[in-house]
Amino acid sequence: MVKKDSLIKAFKEEVRRSNEMTFPICVDSFTNLWQYEFGTLDGLPKEVEDLIAYRAIELGLME
């Protein structure tokens, strides 16, 4: 669980610093790493999904 918490914390910090150009790269990098470490995105915490959606809307990348 420590590894998951550490990945999520680092992702949250990276997302906060992202902009319209870097956000998709940030998300892609995180999901690739998560899949590599845990074999699937099925266990992705709801807070991460919500963070991705909220930031995408905030940056005007989603409605």
N, C-alpha and C. Protein backbone atom coordinates (compact mmCIF):
# COMPACT_ATOMS: atom_id res chain seq x y z
N MET A 1 0.83 -1.21 0.00
CA MET A 1 0.00 0.00 0.00
C MET A 1 0.86 1.27 0.00
N VAL A 2 2.05 1.16 0.56
CA VAL A 2 2.95 2.31 0.61
C VAL A 2 3.31 2.76 -0.80
N LYS A 3 3.57 1.80 -1.70
CA LYS A 3 3.93 2.15 -3.06
C LYS A 3 2.77 2.89 -3.74
N LYS A 4 1.54 2.41 -3.54
CA LYS A 4 0.37 3.08 -4.13
C LYS A 4 0.24 4.49 -3.59
N ASP A 5 0.35 4.64 -2.28
CA ASP A 5 0.24 5.97 -1.67
C ASP A 5 1.31 6.91 -2.20
N SER A 6 2.51 6.40 -2.35
CA SER A 6 3.62 7.21 -2.85
C SER A 6 3.38 7.64 -4.30
N LEU A 7 2.91 6.72 -5.13
CA LEU A 7 2.61 7.05 -6.53
C LEU A 7 1.50 8.10 -6.62
N ILE A 8 0.47 7.92 -5.82
CA ILE A 8 -0.66 8.85 -5.84
C ILE A 8 -0.22 10.24 -5.39
N LYS A 9 0.58 10.30 -4.34
CA LYS A 9 1.06 11.59 -3.84
C LYS A 9 1.88 12.31 -4.91
N ALA A 10 2.81 11.58 -5.55
CA ALA A 10 3.64 12.17 -6.59
C ALA A 10 2.79 12.63 -7.77
N PHE A 11 1.79 11.84 -8.13
CA PHE A 11 0.90 12.20 -9.23
C PHE A 11 0.12 13.47 -8.92
N LYS A 12 -0.41 13.57 -7.72
CA LYS A 12 -1.16 14.77 -7.32
C LYS A 12 -0.30 16.02 -7.45
N GLU A 13 0.94 15.94 -7.02
CA GLU A 13 1.85 17.09 -7.11
C GLU A 13 2.14 17.43 -8.56
N GLU A 14 2.34 16.41 -9.39
CA GLU A 14 2.62 16.64 -10.80
C GLU A 14 1.41 17.26 -11.51
N VAL A 15 0.22 16.78 -11.17
CA VAL A 15 -1.00 17.31 -11.79
C VAL A 15 -1.19 18.78 -11.44
N ARG A 16 -0.92 19.15 -10.22
CA ARG A 16 -1.07 20.55 -9.80
C ARG A 16 -0.18 21.49 -10.61
N ARG A 17 0.99 21.01 -11.01
CA ARG A 17 1.93 21.82 -11.78
C ARG A 17 1.70 21.73 -13.29
N SER A 18 0.78 20.88 -13.70
CA SER A 18 0.59 20.66 -15.14
C SER A 18 -0.18 21.80 -15.79
N ASN A 19 -0.07 21.87 -17.10
CA ASN A 19 -0.84 22.82 -17.89
C ASN A 19 -1.50 22.05 -19.03
N GLU A 20 -2.13 22.76 -19.96
CA GLU A 20 -2.85 22.10 -21.04
C GLU A 20 -1.95 21.16 -21.85
N MET A 21 -0.69 21.53 -22.00
CA MET A 21 0.25 20.73 -22.80
C MET A 21 0.80 19.53 -22.02
N THR A 22 1.10 19.73 -20.75
CA THR A 22 1.76 18.67 -19.98
C THR A 22 0.79 17.72 -19.28
N PHE A 23 -0.45 18.15 -19.08
CA PHE A 23 -1.42 17.31 -18.37
C PHE A 23 -1.60 15.94 -19.01
N PRO A 24 -1.87 15.86 -20.33
CA PRO A 24 -2.05 14.53 -20.94
C PRO A 24 -0.81 13.64 -20.79
N ILE A 25 0.36 14.22 -20.86
CA ILE A 25 1.61 13.47 -20.70
C ILE A 25 1.72 12.95 -19.27
N CYS A 26 1.36 13.80 -18.33
CA CYS A 26 1.39 13.45 -16.91
C CYS A 26 0.46 12.26 -16.63
N VAL A 27 -0.75 12.33 -17.14
CA VAL A 27 -1.73 11.26 -16.93
C VAL A 27 -1.25 9.97 -17.60
N ASP A 28 -0.76 10.08 -18.81
CA ASP A 28 -0.28 8.91 -19.54
C ASP A 28 0.88 8.25 -18.80
N SER A 29 1.80 9.05 -18.33
CA SER A 29 2.95 8.53 -17.59
C SER A 29 2.50 7.81 -16.32
N PHE A 30 1.59 8.44 -15.58
CA PHE A 30 1.09 7.84 -14.35
C PHE A 30 0.37 6.52 -14.61
N THR A 31 -0.52 6.50 -15.61
CA THR A 31 -1.28 5.27 -15.88
C THR A 31 -0.37 4.16 -16.39
N ASN A 32 0.63 4.51 -17.18
CA ASN A 32 1.59 3.49 -17.63
C ASN A 32 2.36 2.91 -16.45
N LEU A 33 2.80 3.75 -15.55
CA LEU A 33 3.53 3.30 -14.36
C LEU A 33 2.63 2.45 -13.47
N TRP A 34 1.40 2.89 -13.27
CA TRP A 34 0.45 2.15 -12.44
C TRP A 34 0.21 0.75 -13.03
N GLN A 35 -0.01 0.69 -14.33
CA GLN A 35 -0.22 -0.60 -14.99
C GLN A 35 1.01 -1.49 -14.86
N TYR A 36 2.18 -0.91 -15.01
CA TYR A 36 3.42 -1.67 -14.89
C TYR A 36 3.56 -2.24 -13.48
N GLU A 37 3.28 -1.43 -12.47
CA GLU A 37 3.46 -1.84 -11.08
C GLU A 37 2.39 -2.83 -10.61
N PHE A 38 1.14 -2.61 -11.05
CA PHE A 38 0.02 -3.37 -10.49
C PHE A 38 -0.72 -4.23 -11.52
N GLY A 39 -0.29 -4.17 -12.78
CA GLY A 39 -0.84 -5.04 -13.81
C GLY A 39 -2.16 -4.63 -14.42
N THR A 40 -2.82 -3.64 -13.85
CA THR A 40 -4.12 -3.22 -14.34
C THR A 40 -4.48 -1.83 -13.82
N LEU A 41 -5.41 -1.19 -14.50
CA LEU A 41 -5.93 0.09 -14.01
C LEU A 41 -7.22 -0.11 -13.20
N ASP A 42 -7.66 -1.36 -13.08
CA ASP A 42 -8.91 -1.66 -12.37
C ASP A 42 -8.89 -1.20 -10.91
N GLY A 43 -7.73 -1.21 -10.28
CA GLY A 43 -7.64 -0.82 -8.89
C GLY A 43 -7.34 0.64 -8.66
N LEU A 44 -7.47 1.43 -9.72
CA LEU A 44 -7.18 2.86 -9.61
C LEU A 44 -8.17 3.51 -8.65
N PRO A 45 -7.68 4.17 -7.62
CA PRO A 45 -8.57 4.77 -6.63
C PRO A 45 -9.48 5.85 -7.25
N LYS A 46 -10.69 5.95 -6.72
CA LYS A 46 -11.67 6.93 -7.20
C LYS A 46 -11.11 8.34 -7.10
N GLU A 47 -10.34 8.63 -6.06
CA GLU A 47 -9.78 9.97 -5.89
C GLU A 47 -8.88 10.34 -7.06
N VAL A 48 -8.18 9.38 -7.64
CA VAL A 48 -7.30 9.64 -8.78
C VAL A 48 -8.15 9.91 -10.02
N GLU A 49 -9.17 9.10 -10.22
CA GLU A 49 -10.08 9.32 -11.36
C GLU A 49 -10.73 10.70 -11.26
N ASP A 50 -11.18 11.05 -10.07
CA ASP A 50 -11.81 12.36 -9.86
C ASP A 50 -10.82 13.50 -10.11
N LEU A 51 -9.59 13.34 -9.65
CA LEU A 51 -8.56 14.36 -9.84
C LEU A 51 -8.29 14.57 -11.33
N ILE A 52 -8.18 13.48 -12.07
CA ILE A 52 -7.93 13.57 -13.51
C ILE A 52 -9.08 14.31 -14.20
N ALA A 53 -10.31 13.93 -13.88
CA ALA A 53 -11.47 14.56 -14.50
C ALA A 53 -11.56 16.04 -14.13
N TYR A 54 -11.38 16.36 -12.85
CA TYR A 54 -11.49 17.74 -12.39
C TYR A 54 -10.43 18.63 -13.07
N ARG A 55 -9.20 18.14 -13.11
CA ARG A 55 -8.12 18.94 -13.70
C ARG A 55 -8.30 19.10 -15.21
N ALA A 56 -8.79 18.06 -15.86
CA ALA A 56 -9.04 18.14 -17.31
C ALA A 56 -10.10 19.20 -17.61
N ILE A 57 -11.13 19.24 -16.79
CA ILE A 57 -12.18 20.26 -16.94
C ILE A 57 -11.61 21.64 -16.64
N GLU A 58 -10.85 21.75 -15.57
CA GLU A 58 -10.23 23.02 -15.18
C GLU A 58 -9.33 23.58 -16.26
N LEU A 59 -8.63 22.70 -16.96
CA LEU A 59 -7.72 23.13 -18.03
C LEU A 59 -8.44 23.31 -19.37
N GLY A 60 -9.73 23.04 -19.40
CA GLY A 60 -10.51 23.19 -20.63
C GLY A 60 -10.31 22.07 -21.61
N LEU A 61 -9.84 20.94 -21.13
CA LEU A 61 -9.60 19.79 -22.01
C LEU A 61 -10.82 18.87 -22.11
N MET A 62 -11.76 19.05 -21.19
CA MET A 62 -13.00 18.26 -21.13
C MET A 62 -14.13 19.17 -20.70
N GLU A 63 -15.33 18.78 -21.07
CA GLU A 63 -16.50 19.53 -20.58
C GLU A 63 -17.26 18.70 -19.57
